Amino acid sequence: MADTPPVCDFGWQAPDFTLPATDGRRLSLSEIKGPNGTLVIFMCNHCPYVLAILDRILRDARDLQALGVGVVAISANDATAYPADSFANMKIMAEERDFPFPYLYDESQSVARSFDAACTPDFFGFNADLQLQYRGRLDASRKAPAAPDVRRDLFEAMKQISQTGQGPLDQIPSMGCSIKWKAA
């Protein structure tokens, strides 16, 4: 089911976390944080919205890292109900697609809940002080192929944040599959 996250809560402080990564490490937010900002992406392996834009996520992540922005992806989906999102399958995807960022597993879903993540993909763009400045879409394409001249909303917002510490006032929320929460 498609979902849309709420509007950016400017200045909201990123909650700390430590999670296992697909490369065998355990990483905390402080280890991922970039000198000019941090991008936290909630995503998963099976979501058609994520799969449709994954090449552009990888491109933008590489470009943002060159600007001093730390990037991380977190999967929090219930892997029992959605086996494609298992930690083992996350490892395969990260290796096959050569992820330039750590891909972390939030098995307990506590990190996704602390961020109030709503969908995959859900982008959280923080400034150097880990204050939220962007919670919008990657670009206008959603699940469709992107036109060659499509504006790179996420990249442009994070570039602005890396340079000024402030995100754009006008933001269009991301859209994607709802987080697959475990039964209570």
N, C-alpha and C. Protein backbone atom coordinates (compact mmCIF):
# COMPACT_ATOMS: atom_id res chain seq x y z
N MET A 1 0.82 -1.17 0.00
CA MET A 1 0.00 0.00 0.00
C MET A 1 0.88 1.25 0.00
N ALA A 2 0.55 2.21 -0.82
CA ALA A 2 1.34 3.44 -0.92
C ALA A 2 1.08 4.32 0.30
N ASP A 3 2.13 5.05 0.68
CA ASP A 3 2.03 5.95 1.82
C ASP A 3 2.88 7.17 1.53
N THR A 4 2.57 8.27 2.22
CA THR A 4 3.30 9.52 2.08
C THR A 4 3.69 10.00 3.48
N PRO A 5 4.97 10.34 3.69
CA PRO A 5 5.37 10.83 5.02
C PRO A 5 4.88 12.25 5.26
N PRO A 6 4.90 12.68 6.54
CA PRO A 6 4.51 14.06 6.85
C PRO A 6 5.54 15.06 6.35
N VAL A 7 5.19 16.33 6.45
CA VAL A 7 6.08 17.40 6.01
C VAL A 7 7.29 17.48 6.95
N CYS A 8 8.34 18.10 6.47
CA CYS A 8 9.58 18.24 7.24
C CYS A 8 9.34 19.00 8.55
N ASP A 9 9.83 18.43 9.64
CA ASP A 9 9.79 19.06 10.96
C ASP A 9 11.16 19.71 11.17
N PHE A 10 11.34 20.90 10.61
CA PHE A 10 12.64 21.57 10.61
C PHE A 10 13.24 21.64 12.02
N GLY A 11 14.51 21.24 12.12
CA GLY A 11 15.24 21.33 13.37
C GLY A 11 15.12 20.10 14.26
N TRP A 12 14.23 19.17 13.91
CA TRP A 12 14.06 17.94 14.70
C TRP A 12 15.41 17.22 14.75
N GLN A 13 15.83 16.82 15.94
CA GLN A 13 17.13 16.20 16.14
C GLN A 13 17.09 14.72 15.80
N ALA A 14 18.06 14.26 15.02
CA ALA A 14 18.15 12.85 14.64
C ALA A 14 18.39 11.99 15.87
N PRO A 15 17.59 10.96 16.06
CA PRO A 15 17.84 10.05 17.18
C PRO A 15 19.05 9.16 16.89
N ASP A 16 19.82 8.89 17.92
CA ASP A 16 21.00 8.04 17.74
C ASP A 16 20.58 6.59 17.56
N PHE A 17 21.41 5.83 16.93
CA PHE A 17 21.17 4.40 16.75
C PHE A 17 22.48 3.69 16.49
N THR A 18 22.48 2.39 16.69
CA THR A 18 23.56 1.50 16.29
C THR A 18 22.89 0.25 15.75
N LEU A 19 23.23 -0.10 14.51
CA LEU A 19 22.59 -1.23 13.83
C LEU A 19 23.62 -2.05 13.07
N PRO A 20 23.30 -3.32 12.81
CA PRO A 20 24.19 -4.15 12.00
C PRO A 20 24.12 -3.75 10.52
N ALA A 21 25.28 -3.76 9.88
CA ALA A 21 25.38 -3.43 8.46
C ALA A 21 25.60 -4.71 7.65
N THR A 22 25.27 -4.65 6.39
CA THR A 22 25.40 -5.82 5.52
C THR A 22 26.86 -6.23 5.32
N ASP A 23 27.79 -5.34 5.64
CA ASP A 23 29.21 -5.68 5.49
C ASP A 23 29.82 -6.29 6.75
N GLY A 24 28.98 -6.59 7.76
CA GLY A 24 29.46 -7.25 8.97
C GLY A 24 29.75 -6.32 10.13
N ARG A 25 29.78 -5.02 9.90
CA ARG A 25 30.04 -4.07 10.98
C ARG A 25 28.74 -3.72 11.71
N ARG A 26 28.87 -3.09 12.86
CA ARG A 26 27.76 -2.44 13.56
C ARG A 26 28.09 -0.95 13.52
N LEU A 27 27.18 -0.15 13.01
CA LEU A 27 27.47 1.27 12.83
C LEU A 27 26.48 2.13 13.58
N SER A 28 26.99 3.22 14.13
CA SER A 28 26.16 4.20 14.82
C SER A 28 25.99 5.43 13.93
N LEU A 29 25.03 6.24 14.29
CA LEU A 29 24.80 7.48 13.55
C LEU A 29 26.05 8.35 13.56
N SER A 30 26.76 8.41 14.69
CA SER A 30 27.96 9.25 14.76
C SER A 30 29.06 8.78 13.81
N GLU A 31 29.08 7.48 13.50
CA GLU A 31 30.07 6.96 12.56
C GLU A 31 29.68 7.23 11.11
N ILE A 32 28.41 7.44 10.86
CA ILE A 32 27.89 7.67 9.50
C ILE A 32 27.86 9.15 9.17
N LYS A 33 27.67 9.97 10.19
CA LYS A 33 27.51 11.42 10.05
C LYS A 33 28.60 12.01 9.17
N GLY A 34 28.19 12.87 8.24
CA GLY A 34 29.15 13.57 7.39
C GLY A 34 29.45 14.95 7.94
N PRO A 35 30.59 15.53 7.57
CA PRO A 35 30.94 16.86 8.07
C PRO A 35 29.98 17.96 7.60
N ASN A 36 29.29 17.72 6.47
CA ASN A 36 28.40 18.74 5.92
C ASN A 36 26.93 18.33 5.93
N GLY A 37 26.61 17.21 6.55
CA GLY A 37 25.23 16.75 6.61
C GLY A 37 25.15 15.24 6.56
N THR A 38 23.94 14.74 6.78
CA THR A 38 23.72 13.30 6.79
C THR A 38 22.36 12.99 6.17
N LEU A 39 22.35 11.99 5.31
CA LEU A 39 21.12 11.53 4.68
C LEU A 39 20.82 10.12 5.18
N VAL A 40 19.65 9.95 5.80
CA VAL A 40 19.19 8.64 6.25
C VAL A 40 18.02 8.25 5.35
N ILE A 41 18.17 7.10 4.69
CA ILE A 41 17.15 6.62 3.76
C ILE A 41 16.52 5.35 4.33
N PHE A 42 15.23 5.36 4.55
CA PHE A 42 14.52 4.12 4.88
C PHE A 42 14.07 3.52 3.57
N MET A 43 14.50 2.28 3.32
CA MET A 43 14.19 1.60 2.07
C MET A 43 14.16 0.10 2.33
N CYS A 44 13.90 -0.66 1.30
CA CYS A 44 13.90 -2.11 1.44
C CYS A 44 14.21 -2.72 0.07
N ASN A 45 14.26 -4.02 0.02
CA ASN A 45 14.62 -4.71 -1.21
C ASN A 45 13.45 -4.88 -2.18
N HIS A 46 12.24 -5.06 -1.67
CA HIS A 46 11.15 -5.48 -2.54
C HIS A 46 10.26 -4.36 -3.06
N CYS A 47 10.31 -3.19 -2.48
CA CYS A 47 9.39 -2.10 -2.82
C CYS A 47 9.55 -1.64 -4.26
N PRO A 48 8.47 -1.64 -5.04
CA PRO A 48 8.59 -1.20 -6.43
C PRO A 48 8.99 0.28 -6.57
N TYR A 49 8.64 1.10 -5.58
CA TYR A 49 9.05 2.51 -5.61
C TYR A 49 10.57 2.61 -5.47
N VAL A 50 11.13 1.85 -4.54
CA VAL A 50 12.59 1.86 -4.34
C VAL A 50 13.28 1.29 -5.57
N LEU A 51 12.81 0.15 -6.05
CA LEU A 51 13.47 -0.49 -7.18
C LEU A 51 13.45 0.40 -8.42
N ALA A 52 12.38 1.17 -8.59
CA ALA A 52 12.27 2.05 -9.77
C ALA A 52 13.28 3.19 -9.75
N ILE A 53 13.71 3.60 -8.56
CA ILE A 53 14.61 4.76 -8.47
C ILE A 53 15.98 4.41 -7.89
N LEU A 54 16.24 3.13 -7.66
CA LEU A 54 17.48 2.74 -6.98
C LEU A 54 18.72 3.25 -7.69
N ASP A 55 18.78 3.18 -9.01
CA ASP A 55 19.96 3.70 -9.73
C ASP A 55 20.19 5.17 -9.42
N ARG A 56 19.11 5.94 -9.32
CA ARG A 56 19.24 7.37 -9.03
C ARG A 56 19.59 7.61 -7.56
N ILE A 57 19.10 6.76 -6.66
CA ILE A 57 19.50 6.87 -5.26
C ILE A 57 21.01 6.65 -5.15
N LEU A 58 21.51 5.63 -5.83
CA LEU A 58 22.95 5.33 -5.78
C LEU A 58 23.77 6.47 -6.39
N ARG A 59 23.31 7.01 -7.50
CA ARG A 59 24.00 8.15 -8.14
C ARG A 59 24.03 9.34 -7.20
N ASP A 60 22.87 9.69 -6.63
CA ASP A 60 22.81 10.86 -5.76
C ASP A 60 23.63 10.65 -4.49
N ALA A 61 23.63 9.43 -3.96
CA ALA A 61 24.44 9.14 -2.76
C ALA A 61 25.91 9.39 -3.04
N ARG A 62 26.39 8.90 -4.17
CA ARG A 62 27.80 9.12 -4.52
C ARG A 62 28.11 10.61 -4.67
N ASP A 63 27.22 11.32 -5.35
CA ASP A 63 27.42 12.76 -5.55
C ASP A 63 27.38 13.52 -4.22
N LEU A 64 26.49 13.10 -3.31
CA LEU A 64 26.39 13.77 -2.01
C LEU A 64 27.60 13.46 -1.14
N GLN A 65 28.08 12.24 -1.19
CA GLN A 65 29.27 11.89 -0.41
C GLN A 65 30.46 12.75 -0.83
N ALA A 66 30.54 13.08 -2.11
CA ALA A 66 31.62 13.95 -2.60
C ALA A 66 31.50 15.37 -2.02
N LEU A 67 30.30 15.72 -1.54
CA LEU A 67 30.08 17.04 -0.93
C LEU A 67 30.21 16.99 0.60
N GLY A 68 30.64 15.85 1.13
CA GLY A 68 30.80 15.72 2.57
C GLY A 68 29.54 15.35 3.32
N VAL A 69 28.58 14.75 2.62
CA VAL A 69 27.33 14.32 3.25
C VAL A 69 27.44 12.81 3.51
N GLY A 70 27.24 12.41 4.75
CA GLY A 70 27.19 10.99 5.08
C GLY A 70 25.86 10.41 4.63
N VAL A 71 25.88 9.19 4.12
CA VAL A 71 24.66 8.56 3.62
C VAL A 71 24.56 7.16 4.20
N VAL A 72 23.35 6.78 4.59
CA VAL A 72 23.08 5.44 5.09
C VAL A 72 21.66 5.04 4.66
N ALA A 73 21.47 3.75 4.42
CA ALA A 73 20.13 3.21 4.16
C ALA A 73 19.80 2.22 5.26
N ILE A 74 18.53 2.21 5.66
CA ILE A 74 18.06 1.32 6.72
C ILE A 74 16.82 0.59 6.23
N SER A 75 16.81 -0.72 6.41
CA SER A 75 15.61 -1.50 6.13
C SER A 75 15.02 -1.95 7.46
N ALA A 76 13.73 -1.69 7.64
CA ALA A 76 13.05 -2.04 8.89
C ALA A 76 11.85 -2.95 8.65
N ASN A 77 11.63 -3.39 7.43
CA ASN A 77 10.45 -4.19 7.14
C ASN A 77 10.45 -5.52 7.87
N ASP A 78 9.28 -6.03 8.14
CA ASP A 78 9.09 -7.34 8.76
C ASP A 78 9.53 -8.40 7.74
N ALA A 79 10.70 -8.98 7.97
CA ALA A 79 11.26 -9.95 7.02
C ALA A 79 10.57 -11.30 7.09
N THR A 80 9.84 -11.57 8.16
CA THR A 80 9.08 -12.81 8.23
C THR A 80 7.94 -12.77 7.23
N ALA A 81 7.25 -11.65 7.19
CA ALA A 81 6.14 -11.48 6.24
C ALA A 81 6.64 -11.15 4.83
N TYR A 82 7.83 -10.55 4.73
CA TYR A 82 8.40 -10.13 3.43
C TYR A 82 9.82 -10.65 3.34
N PRO A 83 10.00 -11.95 3.01
CA PRO A 83 11.33 -12.57 2.99
C PRO A 83 12.34 -11.89 2.06
N ALA A 84 11.88 -11.20 1.04
CA ALA A 84 12.81 -10.49 0.15
C ALA A 84 13.57 -9.42 0.91
N ASP A 85 13.03 -8.99 2.04
CA ASP A 85 13.66 -7.94 2.84
C ASP A 85 14.51 -8.48 3.98
N SER A 86 14.81 -9.77 3.96
CA SER A 86 15.63 -10.36 5.02
C SER A 86 17.05 -9.79 4.99
N PHE A 87 17.75 -9.92 6.11
CA PHE A 87 19.12 -9.43 6.21
C PHE A 87 20.01 -10.13 5.17
N ALA A 88 19.81 -11.42 4.97
CA ALA A 88 20.59 -12.16 3.97
C ALA A 88 20.37 -11.58 2.58
N ASN A 89 19.12 -11.25 2.25
CA ASN A 89 18.83 -10.67 0.93
C ASN A 89 19.31 -9.23 0.82
N MET A 90 19.32 -8.52 1.95
CA MET A 90 19.90 -7.16 1.95
C MET A 90 21.38 -7.23 1.59
N LYS A 91 22.09 -8.20 2.16
CA LYS A 91 23.51 -8.36 1.86
C LYS A 91 23.72 -8.59 0.37
N ILE A 92 22.90 -9.44 -0.22
CA ILE A 92 23.01 -9.75 -1.65
C ILE A 92 22.79 -8.49 -2.47
N MET A 93 21.72 -7.75 -2.17
CA MET A 93 21.42 -6.54 -2.95
C MET A 93 22.54 -5.51 -2.82
N ALA A 94 23.02 -5.29 -1.61
CA ALA A 94 24.07 -4.28 -1.39
C ALA A 94 25.33 -4.63 -2.17
N GLU A 95 25.66 -5.92 -2.22
CA GLU A 95 26.85 -6.35 -2.94
C GLU A 95 26.63 -6.30 -4.46
N GLU A 96 25.51 -6.84 -4.92
CA GLU A 96 25.24 -6.85 -6.37
C GLU A 96 25.13 -5.46 -6.95
N ARG A 97 24.54 -4.52 -6.19
CA ARG A 97 24.34 -3.16 -6.70
C ARG A 97 25.47 -2.21 -6.29
N ASP A 98 26.46 -2.74 -5.57
CA ASP A 98 27.62 -1.95 -5.17
C ASP A 98 27.21 -0.67 -4.44
N PHE A 99 26.44 -0.84 -3.37
CA PHE A 99 25.99 0.31 -2.59
C PHE A 99 27.19 1.11 -2.11
N PRO A 100 27.19 2.43 -2.32
CA PRO A 100 28.30 3.27 -1.86
C PRO A 100 28.13 3.69 -0.39
N PHE A 101 27.07 3.22 0.24
CA PHE A 101 26.75 3.58 1.61
C PHE A 101 26.45 2.32 2.41
N PRO A 102 26.53 2.38 3.74
CA PRO A 102 26.14 1.23 4.55
C PRO A 102 24.63 0.96 4.43
N TYR A 103 24.27 -0.31 4.45
CA TYR A 103 22.86 -0.74 4.42
C TYR A 103 22.63 -1.46 5.73
N LEU A 104 21.82 -0.87 6.59
CA LEU A 104 21.64 -1.36 7.96
C LEU A 104 20.29 -2.05 8.13
N TYR A 105 20.26 -2.99 9.07
CA TYR A 105 19.05 -3.76 9.33
C TYR A 105 18.48 -3.39 10.69
N ASP A 106 17.26 -2.91 10.70
CA ASP A 106 16.54 -2.51 11.90
C ASP A 106 15.50 -3.60 12.21
N GLU A 107 16.00 -4.75 12.66
CA GLU A 107 15.11 -5.89 12.88
C GLU A 107 14.02 -5.60 13.90
N SER A 108 14.35 -4.87 14.96
CA SER A 108 13.38 -4.56 16.01
C SER A 108 12.40 -3.46 15.59
N GLN A 109 12.72 -2.76 14.53
CA GLN A 109 11.94 -1.63 14.00
C GLN A 109 11.96 -0.41 14.93
N SER A 110 12.80 -0.44 15.96
CA SER A 110 12.84 0.66 16.92
C SER A 110 13.41 1.94 16.30
N VAL A 111 14.37 1.80 15.40
CA VAL A 111 14.94 3.00 14.77
C VAL A 111 13.92 3.63 13.83
N ALA A 112 13.26 2.81 13.02
CA ALA A 112 12.21 3.33 12.13
C ALA A 112 11.13 4.04 12.93
N ARG A 113 10.76 3.47 14.06
CA ARG A 113 9.73 4.10 14.91
C ARG A 113 10.25 5.42 15.50
N SER A 114 11.52 5.45 15.91
CA SER A 114 12.07 6.68 16.50
C SER A 114 12.16 7.81 15.46
N PHE A 115 12.31 7.44 14.20
CA PHE A 115 12.32 8.43 13.11
C PHE A 115 10.91 8.75 12.63
N ASP A 116 9.94 7.94 13.03
CA ASP A 116 8.58 8.03 12.53
C ASP A 116 8.56 7.82 11.01
N ALA A 117 9.39 6.88 10.55
CA ALA A 117 9.45 6.55 9.12
C ALA A 117 8.08 6.04 8.68
N ALA A 118 7.68 6.42 7.48
CA ALA A 118 6.34 6.07 7.01
C ALA A 118 6.36 5.12 5.83
N CYS A 119 7.34 5.29 4.95
CA CYS A 119 7.30 4.54 3.69
C CYS A 119 8.71 4.24 3.20
N THR A 120 8.76 3.44 2.15
CA THR A 120 10.03 3.18 1.46
C THR A 120 9.85 3.64 0.02
N PRO A 121 10.64 4.60 -0.39
CA PRO A 121 11.71 5.28 0.34
C PRO A 121 11.18 6.45 1.17
N ASP A 122 11.84 6.69 2.29
CA ASP A 122 11.58 7.86 3.12
C ASP A 122 12.94 8.49 3.39
N PHE A 123 13.14 9.72 2.93
CA PHE A 123 14.44 10.40 2.99
C PHE A 123 14.44 11.42 4.13
N PHE A 124 15.45 11.35 4.99
CA PHE A 124 15.64 12.29 6.08
C PHE A 124 16.98 12.98 5.87
N GLY A 125 16.96 14.27 5.54
CA GLY A 125 18.17 15.03 5.29
C GLY A 125 18.50 15.95 6.46
N PHE A 126 19.65 15.71 7.09
CA PHE A 126 20.06 16.46 8.27
C PHE A 126 21.25 17.36 7.94
N ASN A 127 21.34 18.48 8.67
CA ASN A 127 22.51 19.34 8.52
C ASN A 127 23.66 18.78 9.36
N ALA A 128 24.77 19.51 9.43
CA ALA A 128 25.95 19.03 10.15
C ALA A 128 25.69 18.85 11.64
N ASP A 129 24.67 19.51 12.17
CA ASP A 129 24.31 19.38 13.59
C ASP A 129 23.22 18.32 13.81
N LEU A 130 22.95 17.54 12.78
CA LEU A 130 21.94 16.47 12.81
C LEU A 130 20.53 17.00 13.10
N GLN A 131 20.24 18.19 12.57
CA GLN A 131 18.91 18.77 12.65
C GLN A 131 18.23 18.57 11.30
N LEU A 132 17.01 18.05 11.33
CA LEU A 132 16.29 17.74 10.09
C LEU A 132 16.04 19.00 9.27
N GLN A 133 16.39 18.91 7.98
CA GLN A 133 16.20 20.02 7.05
C GLN A 133 15.48 19.60 5.77
N TYR A 134 15.35 18.30 5.55
CA TYR A 134 14.68 17.84 4.33
C TYR A 134 13.99 16.51 4.59
N ARG A 135 12.74 16.43 4.21
CA ARG A 135 12.00 15.16 4.21
C ARG A 135 11.09 15.19 2.99
N GLY A 136 11.73 15.02 1.85
CA GLY A 136 11.00 15.12 0.60
C GLY A 136 11.34 13.98 -0.34
N ARG A 137 10.96 14.18 -1.57
CA ARG A 137 11.12 13.13 -2.58
C ARG A 137 12.50 13.18 -3.23
N LEU A 138 12.83 12.09 -3.92
CA LEU A 138 14.06 12.04 -4.72
C LEU A 138 13.93 12.98 -5.91
N ASP A 139 12.84 12.80 -6.64
CA ASP A 139 12.54 13.65 -7.80
C ASP A 139 11.07 13.45 -8.16
N ALA A 140 10.63 14.06 -9.24
CA ALA A 140 9.21 14.02 -9.62
C ALA A 140 8.78 12.72 -10.27
N SER A 141 9.69 11.83 -10.54
CA SER A 141 9.34 10.65 -11.33
C SER A 141 8.53 9.60 -10.58
N ARG A 142 8.65 9.56 -9.25
CA ARG A 142 8.01 8.52 -8.45
C ARG A 142 8.45 7.15 -8.97
N LYS A 143 7.52 6.32 -9.45
CA LYS A 143 7.89 4.99 -9.96
C LYS A 143 8.18 5.00 -11.45
N ALA A 144 7.88 6.09 -12.14
CA ALA A 144 8.08 6.14 -13.59
C ALA A 144 9.54 6.41 -13.91
N PRO A 145 9.97 6.02 -15.11
CA PRO A 145 11.33 6.41 -15.52
C PRO A 145 11.45 7.94 -15.54
N ALA A 146 12.59 8.42 -15.12
CA ALA A 146 12.80 9.86 -15.03
C ALA A 146 13.18 10.43 -16.39
N ALA A 147 12.63 11.58 -16.69
CA ALA A 147 13.04 12.31 -17.89
C ALA A 147 14.48 12.76 -17.69
N PRO A 148 15.24 12.90 -18.78
CA PRO A 148 16.65 13.28 -18.64
C PRO A 148 16.85 14.61 -17.91
N ASP A 149 15.86 15.50 -17.97
CA ASP A 149 16.01 16.82 -17.35
C ASP A 149 15.25 16.95 -16.03
N VAL A 150 14.85 15.82 -15.43
CA VAL A 150 14.09 15.89 -14.18
C VAL A 150 14.95 16.54 -13.09
N ARG A 151 14.34 17.42 -12.32
CA ARG A 151 15.06 18.10 -11.23
C ARG A 151 15.37 17.09 -10.13
N ARG A 152 16.58 17.11 -9.66
CA ARG A 152 17.04 16.20 -8.60
C ARG A 152 16.74 16.84 -7.25
N ASP A 153 15.48 16.74 -6.81
CA ASP A 153 15.03 17.42 -5.59
C ASP A 153 15.89 17.07 -4.37
N LEU A 154 16.09 15.79 -4.13
CA LEU A 154 16.86 15.36 -2.96
C LEU A 154 18.30 15.87 -3.05
N PHE A 155 18.93 15.67 -4.19
CA PHE A 155 20.32 16.11 -4.35
C PHE A 155 20.43 17.63 -4.15
N GLU A 156 19.55 18.38 -4.80
CA GLU A 156 19.63 19.85 -4.69
C GLU A 156 19.39 20.31 -3.25
N ALA A 157 18.43 19.66 -2.55
CA ALA A 157 18.17 20.03 -1.16
C ALA A 157 19.37 19.73 -0.28
N MET A 158 19.95 18.54 -0.44
CA MET A 158 21.10 18.16 0.39
C MET A 158 22.33 18.99 0.03
N LYS A 159 22.47 19.37 -1.21
CA LYS A 159 23.57 20.26 -1.61
C LYS A 159 23.42 21.60 -0.89
N GLN A 160 22.20 22.13 -0.89
CA GLN A 160 21.93 23.39 -0.18
C GLN A 160 22.21 23.25 1.31
N ILE A 161 21.79 22.15 1.89
CA ILE A 161 22.02 21.91 3.32
C ILE A 161 23.52 21.82 3.60
N SER A 162 24.26 21.15 2.72
CA SER A 162 25.70 21.01 2.93
C SER A 162 26.41 22.36 2.87
N GLN A 163 25.85 23.29 2.12
CA GLN A 163 26.48 24.60 1.96
C GLN A 163 26.01 25.63 2.98
N THR A 164 24.73 25.53 3.39
CA THR A 164 24.15 26.58 4.24
C THR A 164 23.65 26.09 5.60
N GLY A 165 23.48 24.78 5.74
CA GLY A 165 22.90 24.23 6.97
C GLY A 165 21.39 24.27 7.00
N GLN A 166 20.80 24.87 5.98
CA GLN A 166 19.34 25.02 5.91
C GLN A 166 18.79 24.32 4.68
N GLY A 167 17.63 23.68 4.84
CA GLY A 167 16.96 23.04 3.71
C GLY A 167 15.97 23.97 3.05
N PRO A 168 15.50 23.59 1.87
CA PRO A 168 14.50 24.41 1.17
C PRO A 168 13.18 24.43 1.94
N LEU A 169 12.50 25.57 1.91
CA LEU A 169 11.22 25.68 2.59
C LEU A 169 10.13 24.88 1.88
N ASP A 170 10.18 24.84 0.57
CA ASP A 170 9.19 24.10 -0.21
C ASP A 170 9.71 22.70 -0.48
N GLN A 171 8.97 21.71 0.02
CA GLN A 171 9.36 20.32 -0.15
C GLN A 171 8.13 19.50 -0.52
N ILE A 172 8.32 18.58 -1.44
CA ILE A 172 7.25 17.66 -1.84
C ILE A 172 7.57 16.31 -1.24
N PRO A 173 6.65 15.73 -0.45
CA PRO A 173 6.97 14.48 0.24
C PRO A 173 7.25 13.34 -0.73
N SER A 174 8.01 12.40 -0.23
CA SER A 174 8.26 11.16 -0.95
C SER A 174 6.97 10.35 -0.96
N MET A 175 6.94 9.33 -1.81
CA MET A 175 5.82 8.41 -1.83
C MET A 175 6.40 7.03 -2.02
N GLY A 176 5.82 6.07 -1.33
CA GLY A 176 6.31 4.70 -1.48
C GLY A 176 5.43 3.72 -0.76
N CYS A 177 5.89 2.50 -0.67
CA CYS A 177 5.16 1.46 0.06
C CYS A 177 5.26 1.74 1.55
N SER A 178 4.20 1.46 2.26
CA SER A 178 4.24 1.66 3.71
C SER A 178 5.28 0.72 4.33
N ILE A 179 5.85 1.16 5.44
CA ILE A 179 6.75 0.28 6.20
C ILE A 179 5.94 -0.95 6.60
N LYS A 180 6.53 -2.10 6.49
CA LYS A 180 5.83 -3.35 6.83
C LYS A 180 6.11 -3.65 8.31
N TRP A 181 5.23 -3.12 9.15
CA TRP A 181 5.39 -3.27 10.59
C TRP A 181 5.04 -4.68 11.03
N LYS A 182 5.73 -5.15 12.07
CA LYS A 182 5.42 -6.46 12.65
C LYS A 182 4.10 -6.36 13.40
N ALA A 183 3.40 -7.48 13.48
CA ALA A 183 2.16 -7.51 14.25
C ALA A 183 2.48 -7.26 15.72
N ALA A 184 1.62 -6.52 16.37
CA ALA A 184 1.86 -6.16 17.77
C ALA A 184 1.78 -7.36 18.69
